[in-house]
Amino acid sequence: MKSVKYFAILLIMSFGLNAQTSENPWAISVGADLINLQGDNVESGINFGAPALSLSRYISSGFSIGARYGLGKASPQDNVNLDYSYLDGFVRFNLTEENVVPYLFGGYGLSRFADGQDKEGIFPSLESGRTTFGGIGIDIPISDQVNINVSTSYRGTSETNGSYNHLQHIIGLSYNFGAGDADGDGVSDKKDECPDVPGLKEFNGCPDTDGDGIPDTKDKCPEEAGVEELQGCPDSDGDGVADKDDKCPNVAGTIEMNGCPDSDGDGVADNLDKCPDEKGDPDNEGCPLIDSDGDGIADKDDKCPQVTGNVDNNGCPYEPSDLLAFISSDKSRILFKADSSKLDANDLTIIDTLKSLLEKYPYTTVTIEGHASSDGSEAYNQKLSERRAAAVKKSLVDKGISEERLSTVGYGETKPIEPNNTSKGRARNRRVQLNRSAQIKVN
């Protein structure tokens, strides 16, 4: 009972610790055992033995196979001393491969109880019994490859002549080996996340070159000590932007400005701002924009940069009322003779008036519409209307109006203002007209 209690204490103390697994498939162990003989003819139960040796190989899925051999003493009665030895083959099953490795095992072998008299053979048949056994155990790590091993099993034999059923308790040390360590850093290749580079155990075999507590595999700046928040990179100015990404690494800035400050708050970082102390425009390299006419609209956006205008009219004044009144009246209508696109003196007077108004409002453009009566074919009248519009445009251009401000369109005979069945009506339809529909355009 004392041996059972001792084994139970060892199990409780060892809970929470690691052993022979796929990481280190081979295990060799040496230890001592206690045997407790069973049977009606047994008086003395507890017997000590040493050494207890074993060699095993991990296979897969928690299973190992191995062999073991041990020597000891056995005293079934107070006045009887026997030499005890055993040779077994066994199968072992790990219940887990976590820190603690509890396991089940069982096997078959020979148990010898010798009385000291010489007999032939290593295991003479009269002193040896074929033995079947099974039990439980646990491996407790004290280093990466060395473990304390504790087990208990029941060994039973049907040969009662010179042999005994007995409990066997073994405690010893096992050395697990077989896993490679290519870089020699003490971390097996199977656990080593950097198997070709010597590293540290706390980083699963990976190095920490700059010593900042972040392994090189997770460190974006492995040769410069940094901070975890920036994945191992330094931040010299403490602005939360790693030096490698910081356009101004020695001056605290903002993340939005790639680590640079924006002293004037115009949205342009100081390193790109040509006027860093004066609030400007991002489209003008951080400098203030020029507003020649003082209407609050920078020249680059002002369609009328030299004329004070309105913000909602792109910097230009509102529609020119006197120009609109002129082109909406009959005074702006230019009439032509039949089959003609020539301008007469009266036409030129109208054009001079239009020219003056266009000069007054240099931001305006005008469309010149040409028309024809129904005399002749539609195709001919279309061409004729286009020539009439072109003649008016040419006259305005000749008088100094920019060609870009003038556009022309010919409508042929499609838009009469009088019926074409009278000579008077046809005369009024032979015209160039400027009106609201001609679209005065304010740019």
Protein backbone atom coordinates (compact mmCIF):
# COMPACT_ATOMS: atom_id res chain seq x y z
CA MET A 1 0.00 0.00 0.00
CA LYS A 2 2.91 2.35 0.67
CA SER A 3 4.17 1.85 -2.88
CA VAL A 4 0.72 2.58 -4.33
CA LYS A 5 0.47 5.78 -2.31
CA TYR A 6 3.97 6.82 -3.40
CA PHE A 7 3.08 6.28 -7.06
CA ALA A 8 -0.17 8.27 -6.72
CA ILE A 9 1.75 11.22 -5.21
CA LEU A 10 4.16 11.16 -8.15
CA LEU A 11 1.26 11.25 -10.62
CA ILE A 12 -0.32 14.24 -8.89
CA MET A 13 2.97 16.15 -8.67
CA SER A 14 3.74 15.53 -12.35
CA PHE A 15 0.44 16.72 -13.80
CA GLY A 16 1.00 19.69 -16.08
CA LEU A 17 4.36 18.79 -17.71
CA ASN A 18 5.92 16.50 -21.83
CA ALA A 19 7.76 13.10 -23.50
CA GLN A 20 8.37 10.60 -26.28
CA THR A 21 6.23 11.69 -29.21
CA SER A 22 6.63 12.20 -32.94
CA GLU A 23 8.98 15.10 -32.05
CA ASN A 24 11.55 12.68 -30.57
CA PRO A 25 10.61 9.18 -31.72
CA TRP A 26 13.31 7.17 -29.93
CA ALA A 27 13.44 6.82 -26.17
CA ILE A 28 15.90 5.00 -23.95
CA SER A 29 15.25 4.83 -20.23
CA VAL A 30 16.89 3.59 -17.06
CA GLY A 31 15.37 3.35 -13.63
CA ALA A 32 14.43 1.19 -10.66
CA ASP A 33 11.37 -0.86 -9.91
CA LEU A 34 9.32 -2.11 -6.99
CA ILE A 35 7.52 -5.42 -7.34
CA ASN A 36 4.69 -6.58 -5.17
CA LEU A 37 4.28 -10.36 -5.37
CA GLN A 38 0.73 -11.73 -5.34
CA GLY A 39 -0.56 -15.16 -4.27
CA ASP A 40 -1.53 -17.39 -1.35
CA ASN A 41 2.05 -18.58 -0.82
CA VAL A 42 3.45 -15.04 -0.55
CA GLU A 43 4.33 -13.53 2.83
CA SER A 44 6.60 -10.59 1.96
CA GLY A 45 5.15 -8.23 -0.68
CA ILE A 46 7.49 -5.31 -1.45
CA ASN A 47 10.75 -5.96 -3.33
CA PHE A 48 13.24 -3.49 -4.87
CA GLY A 49 15.08 -3.94 -8.17
CA ALA A 50 17.56 -2.19 -10.44
CA PRO A 51 18.32 -1.48 -13.18
CA ALA A 52 15.16 -1.33 -15.25
CA LEU A 53 16.07 -0.62 -18.90
CA SER A 54 13.96 -0.03 -21.99
CA LEU A 55 14.24 1.08 -25.60
CA SER A 56 11.22 2.16 -27.62
CA ARG A 57 10.30 3.72 -30.97
CA TYR A 58 7.34 5.98 -31.61
CA ILE A 59 5.35 4.80 -34.65
CA SER A 60 2.36 7.09 -35.25
CA SER A 61 -1.03 8.13 -33.88
CA GLY A 62 0.25 7.84 -30.31
CA PHE A 63 1.57 4.27 -30.65
CA SER A 64 5.10 3.10 -29.75
CA ILE A 65 6.72 -0.34 -29.62
CA GLY A 66 9.71 -1.41 -27.57
CA ALA A 67 11.55 -3.88 -25.39
CA ARG A 68 12.61 -3.77 -21.78
CA TYR A 69 14.83 -5.70 -19.39
CA GLY A 70 15.28 -5.52 -15.64
CA LEU A 71 16.94 -7.12 -12.61
CA GLY A 72 15.95 -7.22 -8.96
CA LYS A 73 15.24 -9.28 -5.86
CA ALA A 74 12.12 -11.07 -4.75
CA SER A 75 11.30 -12.58 -1.32
CA PRO A 76 8.00 -14.46 -1.35
CA GLN A 77 8.71 -15.61 2.25
CA ASP A 78 10.94 -14.12 4.89
CA ASN A 79 13.53 -16.86 4.55
CA VAL A 80 13.48 -17.09 0.75
CA ASN A 81 15.55 -14.77 -1.47
CA LEU A 82 15.16 -15.03 -5.26
CA ASP A 83 16.89 -13.24 -8.13
CA TYR A 84 14.23 -11.52 -10.20
CA SER A 85 14.63 -10.61 -13.90
CA TYR A 86 12.39 -10.00 -16.86
CA LEU A 87 12.55 -9.50 -20.64
CA ASP A 88 9.50 -8.07 -22.40
CA GLY A 89 8.20 -6.70 -25.63
CA PHE A 90 5.51 -4.05 -25.31
CA VAL A 91 3.15 -1.69 -27.12
CA ARG A 92 2.50 1.76 -25.74
CA PHE A 93 -0.25 4.29 -26.55
CA ASN A 94 0.13 7.99 -25.66
CA LEU A 95 -3.14 9.51 -24.48
CA THR A 96 -1.96 12.99 -25.49
CA GLU A 97 1.03 14.80 -26.96
CA GLU A 98 0.56 17.93 -24.86
CA ASN A 99 2.74 18.95 -21.89
CA VAL A 100 2.04 15.87 -19.81
CA VAL A 101 2.09 12.58 -21.70
CA PRO A 102 0.03 9.92 -19.88
CA TYR A 103 0.01 6.56 -21.62
CA LEU A 104 -1.27 3.00 -21.54
CA PHE A 105 0.93 0.01 -22.24
CA GLY A 106 0.81 -3.75 -22.43
CA GLY A 107 2.81 -6.65 -23.73
CA TYR A 108 4.21 -10.14 -23.40
CA GLY A 109 7.47 -11.48 -21.99
CA LEU A 110 9.24 -13.71 -19.48
CA SER A 111 9.59 -13.28 -15.72
CA ARG A 112 12.29 -15.27 -13.90
CA PHE A 113 12.47 -16.02 -10.17
CA ALA A 114 15.80 -17.83 -9.62
CA ASP A 115 16.77 -19.56 -6.36
CA GLY A 116 20.51 -19.16 -6.86
CA GLN A 117 21.25 -22.74 -7.91
CA ASP A 118 23.00 -23.11 -11.25
CA LYS A 119 20.82 -24.16 -14.10
CA GLU A 120 21.37 -24.12 -17.81
CA GLY A 121 20.24 -21.20 -19.98
CA ILE A 122 19.50 -17.51 -19.39
CA PHE A 123 15.83 -18.20 -18.58
CA PRO A 124 15.61 -21.86 -17.51
CA SER A 125 12.07 -23.08 -17.99
CA LEU A 126 11.64 -24.18 -14.38
CA GLU A 127 12.46 -20.66 -13.14
CA SER A 128 10.73 -18.61 -15.87
CA GLY A 129 7.12 -17.91 -16.53
CA ARG A 130 5.53 -16.55 -19.67
CA THR A 131 3.97 -13.28 -18.61
CA THR A 132 1.24 -11.03 -19.93
CA PHE A 133 1.10 -7.51 -18.54
CA GLY A 134 -0.67 -4.16 -18.83
CA GLY A 135 -0.60 -0.82 -17.06
CA ILE A 136 -0.48 2.96 -17.09
CA GLY A 137 2.29 5.54 -16.91
CA ILE A 138 3.24 9.15 -17.39
CA ASP A 139 6.24 11.04 -18.80
CA ILE A 140 7.30 14.27 -17.05
CA PRO A 141 9.79 16.58 -18.84
CA ILE A 142 12.72 18.13 -17.02
CA SER A 143 14.29 19.37 -20.29
CA ASP A 144 13.52 19.22 -24.00
CA GLN A 145 14.71 15.60 -24.24
CA VAL A 146 15.00 14.24 -20.68
CA ASN A 147 11.91 13.06 -18.83
CA ILE A 148 10.97 11.45 -15.56
CA ASN A 149 9.04 8.26 -16.28
CA VAL A 150 6.63 6.71 -13.80
CA SER A 151 4.53 3.60 -14.48
CA THR A 152 2.66 0.78 -12.81
CA SER A 153 1.46 -2.52 -14.27
CA TYR A 154 0.06 -5.90 -13.39
CA ARG A 155 2.06 -8.92 -14.58
CA GLY A 156 0.18 -12.20 -14.70
CA THR A 157 1.33 -15.76 -15.51
CA SER A 158 -0.51 -19.06 -15.73
CA GLU A 159 2.68 -20.93 -14.76
CA THR A 160 2.51 -21.31 -11.00
CA ASN A 161 5.58 -23.57 -10.71
CA GLY A 162 8.41 -21.16 -9.79
CA SER A 163 6.70 -18.00 -10.99
CA TYR A 164 4.45 -15.37 -9.43
CA ASN A 165 1.79 -12.90 -10.45
CA HIS A 166 2.93 -9.44 -9.35
CA LEU A 167 2.48 -5.68 -9.48
CA GLN A 168 5.41 -3.75 -10.91
CA HIS A 169 6.08 -0.02 -10.31
CA ILE A 170 8.93 1.67 -12.22
CA ILE A 171 10.41 5.13 -11.80
CA GLY A 172 13.31 6.35 -13.92
CA LEU A 173 14.70 8.77 -16.43
CA SER A 174 14.19 8.56 -20.18
CA TYR A 175 16.10 10.29 -22.93
CA ASN A 176 14.15 11.06 -26.07
CA PHE A 177 16.10 11.47 -29.27
CA GLY A 178 15.84 11.22 -33.02
CA ALA A 179 14.56 14.68 -33.95
CA GLY A 180 17.03 16.76 -35.99
CA ASP A 181 18.31 20.21 -35.08
CA ALA A 182 19.98 21.50 -38.26
CA ASP A 183 20.87 24.93 -36.87
CA GLY A 184 21.97 23.67 -33.46
CA ASP A 185 19.85 26.11 -31.47
CA GLY A 186 18.32 23.50 -29.18
CA VAL A 187 14.94 23.55 -30.91
CA SER A 188 14.10 20.44 -32.95
CA ASP A 189 13.57 20.95 -36.64
CA LYS A 190 9.94 19.88 -36.31
CA LYS A 191 9.29 22.69 -33.81
CA ASP A 192 11.75 25.15 -35.30
CA GLU A 193 10.02 27.82 -37.39
CA CYS A 194 13.48 28.90 -38.65
CA PRO A 195 15.25 25.52 -38.95
CA ASP A 196 18.22 26.85 -40.94
CA VAL A 197 19.03 29.84 -38.71
CA PRO A 198 20.02 29.59 -35.02
CA GLY A 199 17.41 31.25 -32.88
CA LEU A 200 15.80 31.38 -29.47
CA LYS A 201 13.54 28.86 -27.80
CA GLU A 202 11.01 31.54 -26.81
CA PHE A 203 10.59 32.36 -30.49
CA ASN A 204 10.31 28.74 -31.64
CA GLY A 205 13.85 28.69 -32.95
CA CYS A 206 13.77 32.05 -34.79
CA PRO A 207 16.33 34.80 -34.10
CA ASP A 208 15.71 38.32 -32.86
CA THR A 209 18.61 40.14 -34.54
CA ASP A 210 17.89 43.61 -33.17
CA GLY A 211 16.93 42.39 -29.69
CA ASP A 212 13.62 44.25 -29.56
CA GLY A 213 11.63 41.24 -28.39
CA ILE A 214 10.07 40.64 -31.80
CA PRO A 215 11.33 37.61 -33.78
CA ASP A 216 12.78 38.36 -37.20
CA THR A 217 9.96 36.43 -38.86
CA LYS A 218 7.46 39.00 -37.57
CA ASP A 219 9.81 41.98 -37.60
CA LYS A 220 9.54 44.29 -40.63
CA CYS A 221 12.76 46.00 -39.50
CA PRO A 222 14.81 43.03 -38.20
CA GLU A 223 18.07 44.98 -37.93
CA GLU A 224 16.66 48.04 -36.14
CA ALA A 225 15.14 47.87 -32.67
CA GLY A 226 11.53 48.97 -32.83
CA VAL A 227 8.15 48.64 -31.19
CA GLU A 228 5.53 45.92 -31.41
CA GLU A 229 2.80 48.37 -32.53
CA LEU A 230 4.82 49.07 -35.69
CA GLN A 231 5.78 45.41 -36.26
CA GLY A 232 9.29 45.88 -34.93
CA CYS A 233 10.15 49.12 -36.73
CA PRO A 234 11.49 52.26 -35.00
CA ASP A 235 9.64 55.58 -34.79
CA SER A 236 12.24 58.26 -34.07
CA ASP A 237 9.80 61.18 -33.76
CA GLY A 238 7.10 59.21 -31.93
CA ASP A 239 4.28 60.18 -34.27
CA GLY A 240 3.00 56.66 -34.84
CA VAL A 241 4.53 56.35 -38.31
CA ALA A 242 7.47 53.97 -38.69
CA ASP A 243 10.67 55.63 -39.83
CA LYS A 244 10.73 53.52 -42.99
CA ASP A 245 7.34 54.97 -44.00
CA ASP A 246 7.83 58.43 -42.46
CA LYS A 247 8.55 61.18 -45.01
CA CYS A 248 9.68 63.38 -42.11
CA PRO A 249 11.22 60.86 -39.67
CA ASN A 250 12.77 63.47 -37.39
CA VAL A 251 9.73 65.77 -37.08
CA ALA A 252 6.47 64.62 -35.52
CA GLY A 253 3.62 64.66 -38.00
CA THR A 254 0.40 62.86 -38.74
CA ILE A 255 -0.46 59.53 -40.29
CA GLU A 256 -2.56 61.31 -42.93
CA MET A 257 0.50 63.34 -43.99
CA ASN A 258 2.81 60.26 -44.05
CA GLY A 259 4.48 61.36 -40.83
CA CYS A 260 4.99 65.04 -41.79
CA PRO A 261 3.41 68.11 -40.13
CA ASP A 262 1.07 70.57 -41.86
CA SER A 263 1.99 73.82 -40.14
CA ASP A 264 -0.51 76.06 -41.94
CA GLY A 265 -3.33 73.50 -41.95
CA ASP A 266 -4.01 73.73 -45.66
CA GLY A 267 -3.93 69.98 -46.26
CA VAL A 268 -0.47 70.04 -47.84
CA ALA A 269 2.36 68.47 -45.82
CA ASP A 270 5.24 70.82 -45.03
CA ASN A 271 7.70 68.74 -47.06
CA LEU A 272 5.57 69.35 -50.16
CA ASP A 273 4.25 72.82 -49.27
CA LYS A 274 6.07 75.68 -51.03
CA CYS A 275 4.38 78.09 -48.63
CA PRO A 276 4.41 76.07 -45.37
CA ASP A 277 3.65 79.07 -43.14
CA GLU A 278 0.83 80.48 -45.26
CA LYS A 279 -2.43 78.67 -45.82
CA GLY A 280 -2.80 77.93 -49.49
CA ASP A 281 -4.38 75.63 -52.00
CA PRO A 282 -3.44 71.95 -52.50
CA ASP A 283 -3.63 72.45 -56.26
CA ASN A 284 -1.14 75.33 -56.04
CA GLU A 285 1.55 73.42 -54.09
CA GLY A 286 0.22 74.82 -50.82
CA CYS A 287 0.49 78.49 -51.79
CA PRO A 288 -2.42 80.98 -51.93
CA LEU A 289 -4.13 81.36 -55.30
CA ILE A 290 -4.20 84.64 -57.29
CA ASP A 291 -7.57 86.39 -57.59
CA SER A 292 -6.98 89.32 -59.95
CA ASP A 293 -10.54 90.69 -59.87
CA GLY A 294 -11.02 90.14 -56.14
CA ASP A 295 -14.31 88.29 -56.49
CA GLY A 296 -13.25 85.40 -54.25
CA ILE A 297 -12.58 83.03 -57.11
CA ALA A 298 -8.97 82.20 -57.95
CA ASP A 299 -7.89 83.08 -61.45
CA LYS A 300 -7.35 79.44 -62.32
CA ASP A 301 -11.06 78.77 -61.69
CA ASP A 302 -12.42 82.19 -62.74
CA LYS A 303 -13.93 82.24 -66.22
CA CYS A 304 -13.81 86.02 -66.07
CA PRO A 305 -10.55 86.65 -64.15
CA GLN A 306 -10.42 90.36 -64.99
CA VAL A 307 -14.13 91.06 -64.33
CA THR A 308 -15.69 90.89 -60.90
CA GLY A 309 -18.31 88.21 -61.04
CA ASN A 310 -20.33 85.77 -59.00
CA VAL A 311 -19.29 82.52 -57.40
CA ASP A 312 -22.32 80.64 -58.74
CA ASN A 313 -21.55 81.97 -62.22
CA ASN A 314 -17.91 80.74 -62.28
CA GLY A 315 -16.57 84.22 -61.47
CA CYS A 316 -18.44 86.00 -64.24
CA PRO A 317 -21.25 88.52 -63.83
CA TYR A 318 -24.80 87.43 -64.45
CA GLU A 319 -26.36 87.44 -67.95
CA PRO A 320 -25.79 90.66 -69.93
CA SER A 321 -29.27 92.12 -70.06
CA ASP A 322 -28.70 94.71 -72.81
CA LEU A 323 -27.04 92.11 -75.06
CA LEU A 324 -29.91 89.72 -74.48
CA ALA A 325 -32.45 92.47 -75.13
CA PHE A 326 -30.73 93.29 -78.43
CA ILE A 327 -30.57 89.76 -79.78
CA SER A 328 -34.13 89.06 -78.67
CA SER A 329 -35.46 92.00 -80.66
CA ASP A 330 -36.06 92.44 -84.39
CA LYS A 331 -33.13 94.89 -84.40
CA SER A 332 -30.67 91.97 -84.43
CA ARG A 333 -32.28 90.26 -87.43
CA ILE A 334 -30.19 90.44 -90.64
CA LEU A 335 -32.17 89.90 -93.85
CA PHE A 336 -30.74 88.74 -97.19
CA LYS A 337 -31.81 88.99 -100.80
CA ALA A 338 -32.98 85.87 -102.59
CA ASP A 339 -30.21 83.36 -103.25
CA SER A 340 -27.66 85.68 -101.55
CA SER A 341 -25.34 85.61 -98.51
CA LYS A 342 -23.88 89.10 -99.04
CA LEU A 343 -24.12 91.74 -96.32
CA ASP A 344 -25.28 95.27 -97.13
CA ALA A 345 -24.67 98.54 -95.26
CA ASN A 346 -27.71 98.07 -93.04
CA ASP A 347 -26.48 94.58 -92.10
CA LEU A 348 -23.07 95.96 -91.18
CA THR A 349 -24.70 98.51 -88.85
CA ILE A 350 -26.42 95.64 -87.01
CA ILE A 351 -23.13 93.77 -86.86
CA ASP A 352 -21.35 96.83 -85.44
CA THR A 353 -23.94 97.04 -82.66
CA LEU A 354 -23.48 93.35 -81.89
CA LYS A 355 -19.70 93.76 -81.94
CA SER A 356 -19.92 96.60 -79.34
CA LEU A 357 -22.07 94.50 -77.04
CA LEU A 358 -19.78 91.50 -77.37
CA GLU A 359 -16.81 93.70 -76.48
CA LYS A 360 -18.71 94.96 -73.44
CA TYR A 361 -19.22 91.40 -72.30
CA PRO A 362 -15.98 89.61 -73.23
CA TYR A 363 -17.02 86.48 -71.36
CA THR A 364 -20.01 85.77 -73.61
CA THR A 365 -20.26 83.57 -76.67
CA VAL A 366 -23.02 83.59 -79.26
CA THR A 367 -24.44 81.17 -81.77
CA ILE A 368 -25.36 82.62 -85.18
CA GLU A 369 -28.34 80.93 -86.83
CA GLY A 370 -28.74 80.97 -90.62
CA HIS A 371 -32.15 80.51 -92.34
CA ALA A 372 -33.57 80.37 -95.86
CA SER A 373 -36.96 80.61 -97.58
CA SER A 374 -38.49 77.68 -99.41
CA ASP A 375 -37.27 78.82 -102.85
CA GLY A 376 -35.11 76.09 -104.35
CA SER A 377 -34.40 72.61 -103.07
CA GLU A 378 -34.05 71.76 -99.41
CA ALA A 379 -30.41 70.73 -99.86
CA TYR A 380 -29.57 74.01 -101.61
CA ASN A 381 -31.39 76.05 -98.97
CA GLN A 382 -29.49 74.23 -96.23
CA LYS A 383 -26.15 75.21 -97.75
CA LEU A 384 -27.39 78.75 -98.34
CA SER A 385 -28.40 79.15 -94.66
CA GLU A 386 -24.97 77.96 -93.58
CA ARG A 387 -23.24 80.48 -95.87
CA ARG A 388 -25.36 83.31 -94.45
CA ALA A 389 -24.40 82.42 -90.86
CA ALA A 390 -20.75 82.11 -91.90
CA ALA A 391 -20.83 85.57 -93.55
CA VAL A 392 -21.99 87.19 -90.30
CA LYS A 393 -19.35 85.32 -88.29
CA LYS A 394 -16.59 86.39 -90.71
CA SER A 395 -17.65 90.02 -90.45
CA LEU A 396 -17.51 89.89 -86.64
CA VAL A 397 -14.11 88.19 -86.71
CA ASP A 398 -12.84 90.83 -89.12
CA LYS A 399 -13.96 93.45 -86.63
CA GLY A 400 -11.89 91.88 -83.87
CA ILE A 401 -14.26 89.42 -82.15
CA SER A 402 -12.50 86.16 -81.29
CA GLU A 403 -13.55 83.27 -83.47
CA GLU A 404 -13.74 81.04 -80.39
CA ARG A 405 -16.68 83.14 -79.13
CA LEU A 406 -18.74 82.58 -82.27
CA SER A 407 -20.44 79.46 -83.52
CA THR A 408 -22.72 78.98 -86.51
CA VAL A 409 -25.57 76.72 -87.46
CA GLY A 410 -27.72 76.50 -90.58
CA TYR A 411 -31.37 75.48 -90.42
CA GLY A 412 -32.20 75.75 -94.12
CA GLU A 413 -35.93 76.28 -94.68
CA THR A 414 -36.94 74.31 -91.57
CA LYS A 415 -37.69 77.26 -89.26
CA PRO A 416 -39.71 79.92 -91.10
CA ILE A 417 -41.09 82.86 -89.13
CA GLU A 418 -43.59 83.74 -91.90
CA PRO A 419 -45.51 81.57 -94.39
CA ASN A 420 -43.48 80.91 -97.53
CA ASN A 421 -46.51 81.26 -99.86
CA THR A 422 -46.10 85.06 -100.08
CA SER A 423 -43.16 87.11 -101.28
CA LYS A 424 -43.22 89.13 -98.06
CA GLY A 425 -43.07 85.98 -95.97
CA ARG A 426 -40.23 84.51 -98.01
CA ALA A 427 -38.25 87.79 -97.68
CA ARG A 428 -38.50 87.66 -93.88
CA ASN A 429 -37.42 84.05 -93.84
CA ARG A 430 -34.16 84.83 -95.67
CA ARG A 431 -32.30 85.87 -92.52
CA VAL A 432 -29.64 85.43 -89.87
CA GLN A 433 -31.08 85.63 -86.41
CA LEU A 434 -29.65 86.06 -82.91
CA ASN A 435 -32.14 85.34 -80.20
CA ARG A 436 -32.57 83.63 -76.83
CA SER A 437 -32.68 80.27 -78.58
CA ALA A 438 -29.32 81.15 -80.11
CA GLN A 439 -27.95 80.44 -76.60
CA ILE A 440 -25.87 83.24 -75.25
CA LYS A 441 -23.26 81.21 -73.34
CA VAL A 442 -21.68 82.51 -70.19
CA ASN A 443 -18.44 80.54 -69.57
